[in-house]
Amino acid sequence: MNEQNAYSQYLILSLAQAQDVIDPHEAYDIAWGLGGELLVEFESSEFNIDTKSEYDCMWEFLTTKR
């Protein structure tokens, strides 16, 4: 995993926990795996665009997961 992918996975995990898409009390190793699955899904979604920040795109993507 390169630095950018690690950052993206950390970001989507943090945002998913903030939106209760992933339980903030989930064991970290399990949550990290769930974050990775969300990242793969996000990267191929219509929310992954270049006209907004990665943070904003991920936030909007995760609102569809609640």
Protein backbone atom coordinates (compact mmCIF):
# COMPACT_ATOMS: atom_id res chain seq x y z
CA MET A 1 0.00 0.00 0.00
CA ASN A 2 1.46 3.36 -0.95
CA GLU A 3 1.20 6.55 1.12
CA GLN A 4 -1.75 7.98 -0.84
CA ASN A 5 -3.75 4.76 -0.55
CA ALA A 6 -3.02 4.56 3.18
CA TYR A 7 -4.18 8.16 3.62
CA SER A 8 -7.33 7.53 1.58
CA GLN A 9 -8.13 4.40 3.56
CA TYR A 10 -7.55 6.21 6.85
CA LEU A 11 -9.72 9.13 5.68
CA ILE A 12 -12.66 6.99 4.58
CA LEU A 13 -12.42 4.95 7.79
CA SER A 14 -12.47 8.12 9.91
CA LEU A 15 -15.38 9.60 7.97
CA ALA A 16 -17.30 6.30 8.07
CA GLN A 17 -16.91 6.18 11.84
CA ALA A 18 -18.03 9.81 12.15
CA GLN A 19 -21.18 8.96 10.19
CA ASP A 20 -21.74 5.64 12.03
CA VAL A 21 -21.32 3.67 8.81
CA ILE A 22 -18.62 1.78 10.71
CA ASP A 23 -19.08 1.43 14.46
CA PRO A 24 -16.51 3.67 16.14
CA HIS A 25 -16.06 0.97 18.80
CA GLU A 26 -15.27 -1.77 16.27
CA ALA A 27 -11.89 -3.45 16.73
CA TYR A 28 -9.38 -1.44 14.71
CA ASP A 29 -8.15 -4.34 12.58
CA ILE A 30 -11.72 -5.17 11.57
CA ALA A 31 -12.60 -1.51 11.01
CA TRP A 32 -9.49 -1.06 8.84
CA GLY A 33 -10.62 -3.93 6.62
CA LEU A 34 -14.13 -2.48 6.36
CA GLY A 35 -12.59 0.88 5.46
CA GLY A 36 -10.62 -0.81 2.70
CA GLU A 37 -13.80 -2.33 1.28
CA LEU A 38 -15.50 1.07 1.33
CA LEU A 39 -12.49 2.65 -0.38
CA VAL A 40 -12.63 0.15 -3.24
CA GLU A 41 -16.35 0.81 -3.64
CA PHE A 42 -15.84 4.58 -3.45
CA GLU A 43 -13.05 4.59 -6.04
CA SER A 44 -15.35 3.09 -8.67
CA SER A 45 -18.37 5.21 -7.74
CA GLU A 46 -19.82 8.33 -9.33
CA PHE A 47 -18.82 10.21 -6.16
CA ASN A 48 -15.10 9.93 -6.95
CA ILE A 49 -14.67 13.10 -9.02
CA ASP A 50 -11.87 15.63 -9.54
CA THR A 51 -13.93 18.79 -9.04
CA LYS A 52 -14.25 18.39 -5.24
CA SER A 53 -11.87 17.45 -2.47
CA GLU A 54 -11.42 13.78 -1.67
CA TYR A 55 -12.85 14.51 1.78
CA ASP A 56 -16.05 16.02 0.35
CA CYS A 57 -16.47 13.24 -2.21
CA MET A 58 -16.06 10.55 0.42
CA TRP A 59 -18.43 12.33 2.82
CA GLU A 60 -21.16 12.45 0.15
CA PHE A 61 -20.53 8.80 -0.78
CA LEU A 62 -20.88 7.74 2.84
CA THR A 63 -24.20 9.56 3.27
CA THR A 64 -25.64 6.93 0.91
CA LYS A 65 -24.44 4.17 3.23
CA ARG A 66 -26.33 5.20 6.37
